[in-house]
């Protein structure tokens, strides 16, 4: 922005010299161009901090779990694991969970002695990721999983389907806060706030996690029913904004 204004000023000097028939290689011409460049490089600036925090209700949850099955060979172990998972998937879909929300993300195969008198057997470890776009189903999903022999049930990550909208909202709010801060300074100093010259930003998105493994265990033991899950996603944005001042 400043460079553009400087080039316009230099062009006007060139036009003036051409109109007057003056030598544009003269020391005077060079001196005037240098003065214009120096004047713009010394233009006054003001840097302020703008901060904002915005909050939205979470509309998505995600977690993973593992099913482990063994057999005399890889195929047997894998098929048994897939069969067991199919039963779980059918139960999950019976309460309204979409089939696209269930993803088998990883399969690992190990060879191990299961007991002292058996030969080595293959063990298939199947990890599944579940993404829930309707949080009303979350309690029912955990109840179902609590009935099965699953392992490594991770914490639940509560997120937003579209985080870009929240980031944009936080950015605009922080920018408005910076502009208010800059306006307060310039008004009290008798100055005029100019254009934005630079924006530097940093932001962090907190992780809202819930101990799904413990909850599923307690549901399986019928100790209590889930009645609350964290549903707020907050995003903080901090901007350093540099304005031109006149």
Protein backbone atom coordinates (compact mmCIF):
# COMPACT_ATOMS: atom_id res chain seq x y z
CA UNK A 1 0.00 0.00 0.00
CA UNK A 2 2.74 2.47 0.98
CA UNK A 3 4.87 1.46 -1.97
CA UNK A 4 1.98 2.19 -4.32
CA UNK A 5 1.50 5.67 -2.88
CA UNK A 6 5.24 6.33 -3.11
CA UNK A 7 5.31 5.31 -6.78
CA UNK A 8 2.39 7.65 -7.52
CA UNK A 9 4.25 10.57 -5.91
CA UNK A 10 7.41 9.78 -7.88
CA UNK A 11 5.40 9.57 -11.10
CA UNK A 12 3.98 13.04 -10.47
CA UNK A 13 7.52 14.42 -10.13
CA UNK A 14 8.44 12.79 -13.44
CA UNK A 15 5.38 14.31 -15.12
CA UNK A 16 6.28 17.74 -13.74
CA UNK A 17 9.84 17.51 -15.10
CA UNK A 18 8.58 16.36 -18.50
CA UNK A 19 6.01 19.14 -18.65
CA UNK A 20 8.62 21.77 -17.80
CA UNK A 21 11.20 20.22 -20.11
CA UNK A 22 13.63 19.67 -17.26
CA UNK A 23 16.47 17.15 -17.26
CA UNK A 24 15.42 13.96 -15.42
CA UNK A 25 19.08 13.00 -15.00
CA UNK A 26 19.85 16.14 -13.04
CA UNK A 27 20.88 16.04 -9.35
CA UNK A 28 17.66 17.91 -8.51
CA UNK A 29 15.48 15.17 -9.98
CA UNK A 30 17.39 12.44 -8.12
CA UNK A 31 17.23 14.45 -4.90
CA UNK A 32 13.44 14.88 -5.14
CA UNK A 33 12.89 11.16 -5.74
CA UNK A 34 15.04 10.31 -2.73
CA UNK A 35 13.12 12.74 -0.54
CA UNK A 36 9.81 11.17 -1.56
CA UNK A 37 11.13 7.69 -0.78
CA UNK A 38 12.51 8.83 2.58
CA UNK A 39 9.27 10.55 3.50
CA UNK A 40 7.20 7.41 2.96
CA UNK A 41 9.69 5.20 4.78
CA UNK A 42 9.36 7.45 7.83
CA UNK A 43 5.57 7.44 7.85
CA UNK A 44 4.24 7.08 11.39
CA UNK A 45 2.76 3.76 12.45
CA UNK A 46 0.87 2.42 15.43
CA UNK A 47 0.84 -1.26 16.49
CA UNK A 48 -1.86 -2.52 18.86
CA UNK A 49 -3.09 -5.88 20.14
CA UNK A 50 -6.60 -7.10 19.47
CA UNK A 51 -8.01 -10.11 21.32
CA UNK A 52 -11.26 -12.04 21.12
CA UNK A 53 -12.77 -15.33 22.23
CA UNK A 54 -15.78 -16.85 20.51
CA UNK A 55 -17.77 -19.91 21.50
CA UNK A 56 -19.97 -22.33 19.59
CA UNK A 57 -21.87 -25.44 20.61
CA UNK A 58 -20.07 -28.62 19.50
CA UNK A 59 -21.95 -30.58 16.86
CA UNK A 60 -19.56 -33.49 16.31
CA UNK A 61 -17.81 -36.11 18.45
CA UNK A 62 -15.08 -38.57 17.53
CA UNK A 63 -13.34 -41.48 19.25
CA UNK A 64 -11.65 -44.81 18.48
CA UNK A 65 -11.75 -48.34 19.86
CA UNK A 66 -9.93 -51.63 19.22
CA UNK A 67 -11.10 -55.20 18.73
CA UNK A 68 -8.50 -57.98 19.05
CA UNK A 69 -9.08 -61.55 17.82
CA UNK A 70 -6.69 -64.49 17.43
CA UNK A 71 -6.51 -67.56 15.20
CA UNK A 72 -4.19 -70.22 13.86
CA UNK A 73 -3.39 -68.01 10.87
CA UNK A 74 -3.81 -64.41 9.74
CA UNK A 75 -6.94 -65.05 7.71
CA UNK A 76 -8.73 -66.79 10.57
CA UNK A 77 -7.86 -64.03 13.05
CA UNK A 78 -8.83 -61.27 10.62
CA UNK A 79 -12.16 -62.88 9.64
CA UNK A 80 -13.09 -63.45 13.27
CA UNK A 81 -12.30 -59.83 14.07
CA UNK A 82 -14.31 -58.55 11.11
CA UNK A 83 -17.26 -60.76 12.04
CA UNK A 84 -17.20 -59.43 15.59
CA UNK A 85 -17.00 -55.85 14.33
CA UNK A 86 -19.91 -56.42 11.95
CA UNK A 87 -22.11 -57.31 14.91
CA UNK A 88 -21.06 -54.10 16.66
CA UNK A 89 -21.68 -52.04 13.52
CA UNK A 90 -25.18 -53.47 13.09
CA UNK A 91 -26.02 -52.57 16.70
CA UNK A 92 -24.69 -49.03 16.23
CA UNK A 93 -26.67 -48.54 13.04
CA UNK A 94 -29.81 -49.81 14.75
CA UNK A 95 -29.94 -46.63 16.87
CA UNK A 96 -29.50 -44.35 13.87
CA UNK A 97 -25.72 -44.07 13.45
CA UNK A 98 -24.91 -43.70 9.77
CA UNK A 99 -22.66 -46.37 8.27
CA UNK A 100 -20.34 -43.68 6.88
CA UNK A 101 -19.60 -42.59 10.46
CA UNK A 102 -17.80 -45.88 11.18
CA UNK A 103 -14.33 -46.23 9.70
CA UNK A 104 -11.85 -49.03 10.16
CA UNK A 105 -8.66 -47.03 10.28
CA UNK A 106 -5.93 -49.57 11.07
CA UNK A 107 -5.23 -53.30 11.17
CA UNK A 108 -2.18 -54.78 12.90
CA UNK A 109 -1.14 -58.42 12.99
CA UNK A 110 0.97 -59.95 15.78
CA UNK A 111 2.32 -63.43 16.38
CA UNK A 112 2.32 -64.56 20.01
CA UNK A 113 2.00 -67.51 22.39
CA UNK A 114 -1.48 -67.33 23.88
CA UNK A 115 -0.87 -70.05 26.50
CA UNK A 116 2.06 -72.23 27.52
CA UNK A 117 0.73 -75.33 25.75
CA UNK A 118 -0.34 -73.79 22.43
CA UNK A 119 1.69 -73.09 19.35
CA UNK A 120 2.16 -69.57 18.11
CA UNK A 121 -1.01 -67.96 16.81
CA UNK A 122 -1.79 -64.89 14.79
CA UNK A 123 -3.55 -61.98 16.45
CA UNK A 124 -5.48 -59.38 14.45
CA UNK A 125 -5.83 -55.94 16.05
CA UNK A 126 -8.53 -53.86 14.34
CA UNK A 127 -8.92 -50.19 15.20
CA UNK A 128 -12.16 -48.39 14.38
CA UNK A 129 -12.91 -44.67 14.32
CA UNK A 130 -16.45 -43.48 15.06
CA UNK A 131 -17.59 -39.98 14.06
CA UNK A 132 -20.94 -38.87 15.48
CA UNK A 133 -22.62 -35.90 13.80
CA UNK A 134 -25.71 -36.12 16.01
CA UNK A 135 -24.67 -35.82 19.66
CA UNK A 136 -28.05 -37.13 20.79
CA UNK A 137 -26.76 -40.57 19.75
CA UNK A 138 -23.60 -40.42 21.84
CA UNK A 139 -24.98 -41.95 25.02
CA UNK A 140 -26.59 -44.80 23.10
CA UNK A 141 -23.36 -45.50 21.20
CA UNK A 142 -21.39 -45.79 24.44
CA UNK A 143 -24.03 -48.04 25.96
CA UNK A 144 -23.76 -50.42 23.01
CA UNK A 145 -19.96 -50.47 23.06
CA UNK A 146 -20.06 -51.19 26.78
CA UNK A 147 -21.66 -54.57 26.00
CA UNK A 148 -18.78 -55.77 23.84
CA UNK A 149 -15.20 -56.87 24.46
CA UNK A 150 -13.36 -53.87 23.10
CA UNK A 151 -10.05 -52.29 24.06
CA UNK A 152 -8.36 -48.89 24.01
CA UNK A 153 -11.54 -46.85 23.91
CA UNK A 154 -10.10 -43.36 23.51
CA UNK A 155 -11.25 -40.07 24.90
CA UNK A 156 -14.04 -38.32 23.02
CA UNK A 157 -12.97 -35.28 21.04
CA UNK A 158 -15.78 -32.76 20.71
CA UNK A 159 -15.40 -30.63 17.60
CA UNK A 160 -17.29 -28.64 14.99
CA UNK A 161 -18.18 -29.93 11.55
CA UNK A 162 -17.01 -26.61 10.11
CA UNK A 163 -14.26 -24.96 12.15
CA UNK A 164 -13.50 -22.38 9.45
CA UNK A 165 -16.61 -20.37 10.32
CA UNK A 166 -15.56 -20.18 13.98
CA UNK A 167 -12.01 -19.15 13.03
CA UNK A 168 -13.35 -16.41 10.74
CA UNK A 169 -15.66 -15.16 13.48
CA UNK A 170 -12.77 -14.99 15.96
CA UNK A 171 -10.52 -13.24 13.43
CA UNK A 172 -13.09 -10.52 12.70
CA UNK A 173 -13.79 -9.98 16.41
CA UNK A 174 -10.06 -9.64 17.22
CA UNK A 175 -9.56 -7.22 14.32
CA UNK A 176 -12.45 -5.07 15.53
CA UNK A 177 -10.95 -5.05 19.03
CA UNK A 178 -7.59 -3.91 17.62
CA UNK A 179 -9.26 -1.14 15.64
CA UNK A 180 -11.11 0.08 18.75
CA UNK A 181 -7.87 0.12 20.74
CA UNK A 182 -6.03 2.01 18.00
CA UNK A 183 -8.87 4.52 17.61
CA UNK A 184 -8.85 5.24 21.34
CA UNK A 185 -5.11 5.97 21.24
CA UNK A 186 -5.18 8.20 18.17
CA UNK A 187 -8.23 10.17 19.31
CA UNK A 188 -6.65 10.94 22.66
CA UNK A 189 -3.48 12.07 20.85
CA UNK A 190 -5.21 14.23 18.26
CA UNK A 191 -4.14 11.94 15.41
CA UNK A 192 -6.06 10.24 12.60
CA UNK A 193 -6.12 6.47 12.18
CA UNK A 194 -5.08 5.33 8.72
CA UNK A 195 -5.06 2.07 6.80
CA UNK A 196 -4.00 -1.32 8.13
CA UNK A 197 -0.44 -2.06 7.07
CA UNK A 198 0.26 -5.39 8.71
CA UNK A 199 -1.48 -8.16 10.67
CA UNK A 200 0.27 -10.84 12.71
CA UNK A 201 -1.77 -13.56 14.34
CA UNK A 202 -1.64 -16.54 16.64
CA UNK A 203 -4.48 -18.71 17.85
CA UNK A 204 -5.22 -21.91 19.74
CA UNK A 205 -8.17 -24.28 19.71
CA UNK A 206 -8.67 -25.99 23.09
CA UNK A 207 -9.30 -29.73 23.04
CA UNK A 208 -12.53 -30.78 24.74
CA UNK A 209 -12.06 -34.43 25.68
CA UNK A 210 -14.09 -36.86 27.76
CA UNK A 211 -13.00 -40.21 29.22
CA UNK A 212 -15.06 -42.55 27.05
CA UNK A 213 -13.44 -45.73 28.36
CA UNK A 214 -14.45 -45.05 31.96
CA UNK A 215 -17.96 -44.02 30.92
CA UNK A 216 -18.47 -47.16 28.83
CA UNK A 217 -17.26 -49.32 31.72
CA UNK A 218 -19.68 -47.72 34.16
CA UNK A 219 -22.51 -48.04 31.67
CA UNK A 220 -21.67 -51.72 31.31
CA UNK A 221 -21.79 -52.07 35.09
CA UNK A 222 -25.01 -50.01 35.11
CA UNK A 223 -23.50 -47.80 37.79
CA UNK A 224 -25.14 -44.72 36.30
CA UNK A 225 -26.28 -43.25 33.02
CA UNK A 226 -24.55 -40.45 31.17
CA UNK A 227 -26.37 -37.17 31.64
CA UNK A 228 -23.83 -34.54 30.55
CA UNK A 229 -21.12 -34.06 27.96
CA UNK A 230 -19.04 -30.94 27.34
CA UNK A 231 -20.51 -29.22 24.30
CA UNK A 232 -18.77 -25.85 24.10
CA UNK A 233 -15.93 -25.19 21.66
CA UNK A 234 -14.04 -21.95 22.34
CA UNK A 235 -11.50 -20.34 20.06
CA UNK A 236 -9.21 -17.50 21.13
CA UNK A 237 -7.60 -15.20 18.60
CA UNK A 238 -4.86 -12.67 19.25
CA UNK A 239 -3.77 -10.22 16.55
CA UNK A 240 -1.02 -7.64 16.37
CA UNK A 241 -2.26 -5.01 13.94
CA UNK A 242 -0.17 -2.15 12.58
CA UNK A 243 -1.98 0.98 11.36
CA UNK A 244 -0.72 4.06 9.55
CA UNK A 245 -1.42 7.25 11.51
CA UNK A 246 -1.65 10.82 10.27
